Amino acid sequence: MTPIELVLRKLDGVRTTPNGWEARCPAHDDDNPSLDIAIGDDGRVLLDCKAKCPTDPDVVGAMGITMRDLFPRKNGNGSSLGVEVEAYSYTDAEGKPLFEVVRFKPKDFRQRLPDGRWGLHGTKPVLYRLPKVIEAADRGRSVVVVEGEKDVATLEQLGATATTNPGGAGKWRKSYSESLRGRKSSS
């Protein structure tokens, strides 16, 4: 979720304006929208209460976020991650969420834990759509391994069972094959 998406979800009475948005300020009793919201050139969210509520801590605190949430996320080399396009959930064999692969525009991918932390932090990577893959393999049906999550979705629309691994081409691990060892195979 981008900083502007987060902020707009936290506010009431949001309306589009020529310069961005306006909403009721959460820091005071605001019947007439007095909070101006815009996006800066660097992607940060700009907030200005016409009733002069301090942005930090009053306005930001009333939304239940921090000043840090107003700024675009950075990757390991300090550049912005871009706009989040889609998040693909990876689960364990029982369907419990383990992590997401998040796709950004411009094209980039990062892993995120269910608690919002970036990276895997020791979480074991698994195949995408693992419960469906195991079910298909147990029934002796074919499973197609493709390069990415979008390709999995395309094949699923065609009725096939497909999977991929986090990181795409060239990132296959022996543990992915091990997760299917001993299951039925089609001849």
Protein backbone atom coordinates (compact mmCIF):
# COMPACT_ATOMS: atom_id res chain seq x y z
CA MET A 1 0.00 0.00 0.00
CA THR A 2 1.40 3.39 -0.94
CA PRO A 3 1.62 6.22 1.61
CA ILE A 4 -1.21 8.15 -0.05
CA GLU A 5 -3.46 5.07 -0.08
CA LEU A 6 -2.79 4.54 3.62
CA VAL A 7 -3.56 8.17 4.51
CA LEU A 8 -6.73 8.40 2.41
CA ARG A 9 -8.08 5.19 4.01
CA LYS A 10 -7.59 6.72 7.46
CA LEU A 11 -9.63 9.88 6.75
CA ASP A 12 -13.33 10.73 6.57
CA GLY A 13 -15.06 12.94 4.02
CA VAL A 14 -12.30 12.63 1.42
CA ARG A 15 -12.91 14.62 -1.77
CA THR A 16 -10.72 15.17 -4.80
CA THR A 17 -9.49 18.73 -5.40
CA PRO A 18 -7.46 20.24 -8.25
CA ASN A 19 -4.31 19.92 -6.10
CA GLY A 20 -4.98 16.52 -4.49
CA TRP A 21 -7.62 15.83 -1.84
CA GLU A 22 -9.33 17.36 1.15
CA ALA A 23 -10.87 15.65 4.16
CA ARG A 24 -12.09 16.23 7.69
CA CYS A 25 -9.10 16.70 9.97
CA PRO A 26 -8.98 13.84 12.50
CA ALA A 27 -7.18 16.03 15.08
CA HIS A 28 -10.15 18.32 15.81
CA ASP A 29 -13.94 18.42 15.54
CA ASP A 30 -14.13 19.19 11.83
CA ASP A 31 -17.56 19.52 10.20
CA ASN A 32 -16.16 21.37 7.19
CA PRO A 33 -13.18 19.55 5.58
CA SER A 34 -10.07 21.52 6.53
CA LEU A 35 -7.26 19.04 5.85
CA ASP A 36 -5.50 19.42 2.50
CA ILE A 37 -3.68 16.32 1.23
CA ALA A 38 -1.23 16.23 -1.68
CA ILE A 39 1.69 14.19 -2.98
CA GLY A 40 5.12 15.83 -3.07
CA ASP A 41 7.57 15.48 -5.95
CA ASP A 42 9.46 12.84 -3.97
CA GLY A 43 6.30 10.78 -3.36
CA ARG A 44 5.74 11.82 0.26
CA VAL A 45 2.29 12.75 1.51
CA LEU A 46 1.83 16.43 2.32
CA LEU A 47 -0.74 17.36 4.98
CA ASP A 48 -1.93 20.87 5.83
CA CYS A 49 -4.75 21.58 8.29
CA LYS A 50 -6.34 24.98 7.58
CA ALA A 51 -7.32 25.10 11.26
CA LYS A 52 -3.56 24.94 11.99
CA CYS A 53 -3.43 21.58 13.75
CA PRO A 54 0.22 20.48 13.94
CA THR A 55 0.84 17.70 11.44
CA ASP A 56 2.98 15.82 13.94
CA PRO A 57 1.85 14.62 16.40
CA ASP A 58 -1.79 15.77 16.22
CA VAL A 59 -2.96 14.97 12.67
CA VAL A 60 -0.69 11.99 12.06
CA GLY A 61 -1.25 10.63 15.57
CA ALA A 62 -5.03 10.93 15.24
CA MET A 63 -4.82 8.72 12.13
CA GLY A 64 -2.90 6.07 14.10
CA ILE A 65 0.17 6.29 11.88
CA THR A 66 3.66 7.81 12.15
CA MET A 67 5.46 10.49 10.17
CA ARG A 68 7.48 7.68 8.58
CA ASP A 69 4.26 6.36 7.00
CA LEU A 70 3.99 9.57 4.95
CA PHE A 71 7.12 8.72 2.97
CA PRO A 72 7.62 6.16 0.18
CA ARG A 73 9.31 2.93 1.24
CA LYS A 74 12.92 2.53 0.28
CA ASN A 75 14.71 -0.56 -0.90
CA GLY A 76 18.14 -1.65 0.32
CA ASN A 77 20.03 0.86 -1.84
CA GLY A 78 17.95 3.86 -0.69
CA SER A 79 15.80 4.35 -3.78
CA SER A 80 12.00 4.41 -3.67
CA LEU A 81 10.19 1.13 -4.20
CA GLY A 82 7.65 2.72 -6.54
CA VAL A 83 3.92 2.06 -6.58
CA GLU A 84 2.68 -1.27 -5.26
CA VAL A 85 0.79 -3.02 -8.05
CA GLU A 86 -0.05 -6.40 -6.56
CA ALA A 87 0.81 -8.68 -3.65
CA TYR A 88 1.00 -12.46 -4.12
CA SER A 89 0.43 -14.50 -0.96
CA TYR A 90 2.64 -17.53 -0.33
CA THR A 91 1.28 -19.98 2.24
CA ASP A 92 2.33 -23.16 3.97
CA ALA A 93 0.76 -26.52 3.00
CA GLU A 94 -2.25 -25.81 5.25
CA GLY A 95 -2.89 -22.38 3.73
CA LYS A 96 -1.40 -20.26 6.55
CA PRO A 97 0.14 -17.05 5.11
CA LEU A 98 3.94 -17.06 5.32
CA PHE A 99 4.91 -14.05 3.20
CA GLU A 100 3.97 -12.04 0.14
CA VAL A 101 5.85 -11.23 -3.02
CA VAL A 102 5.00 -7.63 -3.79
CA ARG A 103 5.16 -6.32 -7.35
CA PHE A 104 5.93 -2.62 -7.90
CA LYS A 105 5.80 -0.22 -10.82
CA PRO A 106 8.37 0.44 -12.17
CA LYS A 107 8.92 -3.32 -12.28
CA ASP A 108 10.47 -4.53 -9.07
CA PHE A 109 9.69 -7.27 -6.54
CA ARG A 110 10.15 -7.52 -2.76
CA GLN A 111 9.12 -10.03 -0.10
CA ARG A 112 6.99 -8.91 2.86
CA LEU A 113 5.90 -10.76 5.99
CA PRO A 114 2.24 -10.72 7.12
CA ASP A 115 3.18 -8.19 9.83
CA GLY A 116 4.37 -5.73 7.14
CA ARG A 117 8.14 -6.14 7.62
CA TRP A 118 10.16 -6.27 4.41
CA GLY A 119 12.27 -9.37 3.82
CA LEU A 120 11.79 -12.97 4.91
CA HIS A 121 13.57 -12.75 8.31
CA GLY A 122 14.23 -16.49 8.42
CA THR A 123 10.89 -17.56 6.92
CA LYS A 124 11.41 -20.62 4.72
CA PRO A 125 10.51 -19.85 1.07
CA VAL A 126 7.90 -22.18 -0.45
CA LEU A 127 6.26 -22.73 -3.81
CA TYR A 128 3.47 -20.34 -4.83
CA ARG A 129 -0.03 -21.83 -4.37
CA LEU A 130 1.51 -24.69 -2.36
CA PRO A 131 -1.79 -26.25 -1.14
CA LYS A 132 -3.13 -26.47 -4.72
CA VAL A 133 0.17 -27.83 -5.96
CA ILE A 134 0.25 -30.55 -3.30
CA GLU A 135 -3.40 -31.48 -3.98
CA ALA A 136 -2.75 -31.77 -7.73
CA ALA A 137 0.42 -33.79 -7.19
CA ASP A 138 -1.36 -36.14 -4.75
CA ARG A 139 -4.01 -36.79 -7.41
CA GLY A 140 -1.38 -37.48 -10.06
CA ARG A 141 -2.21 -34.33 -12.04
CA SER A 142 0.42 -32.29 -13.80
CA VAL A 143 1.75 -29.10 -12.24
CA VAL A 144 3.30 -26.53 -14.55
CA VAL A 145 6.25 -24.55 -13.20
CA VAL A 146 6.40 -21.04 -14.69
CA GLU A 147 8.54 -17.93 -14.21
CA GLY A 148 6.20 -15.73 -12.17
CA GLU A 149 2.94 -15.28 -10.32
CA LYS A 150 1.20 -13.56 -13.24
CA ASP A 151 1.92 -16.63 -15.38
CA VAL A 152 0.41 -18.84 -12.65
CA ALA A 153 -2.78 -16.75 -12.75
CA THR A 154 -2.97 -17.04 -16.54
CA LEU A 155 -2.65 -20.84 -16.46
CA GLU A 156 -5.18 -21.11 -13.62
CA GLN A 157 -7.69 -19.22 -15.78
CA LEU A 158 -7.14 -21.93 -18.40
CA GLY A 159 -7.83 -24.68 -15.84
CA ALA A 160 -4.25 -25.80 -15.21
CA THR A 161 -2.45 -26.12 -11.89
CA ALA A 162 0.68 -24.00 -11.91
CA THR A 163 3.30 -22.72 -9.51
CA THR A 164 6.40 -20.60 -9.36
CA ASN A 165 9.08 -19.88 -6.82
CA PRO A 166 9.91 -16.56 -5.19
CA GLY A 167 12.43 -14.70 -7.29
CA GLY A 168 11.43 -16.32 -10.57
CA ALA A 169 13.83 -17.81 -13.11
CA GLY A 170 17.15 -19.08 -11.83
CA LYS A 171 16.12 -19.08 -8.15
CA TRP A 172 14.88 -22.68 -7.81
CA ARG A 173 15.90 -24.39 -4.55
CA LYS A 174 16.23 -28.08 -3.82
CA SER A 175 13.65 -27.63 -1.02
CA TYR A 176 10.96 -26.83 -3.61
CA SER A 177 11.46 -30.25 -5.22
CA GLU A 178 11.61 -31.86 -1.77
CA SER A 179 8.14 -30.46 -0.94
CA LEU A 180 6.76 -32.70 -3.72
CA ARG A 181 8.91 -35.80 -3.11
CA GLY A 182 6.92 -38.98 -2.53
CA ARG A 183 3.71 -37.64 -4.05
CA LYS A 184 1.97 -39.37 -6.93
CA SER A 185 3.29 -38.61 -10.37
CA SER A 186 1.56 -38.92 -13.71
CA SER A 187 3.11 -41.15 -16.33
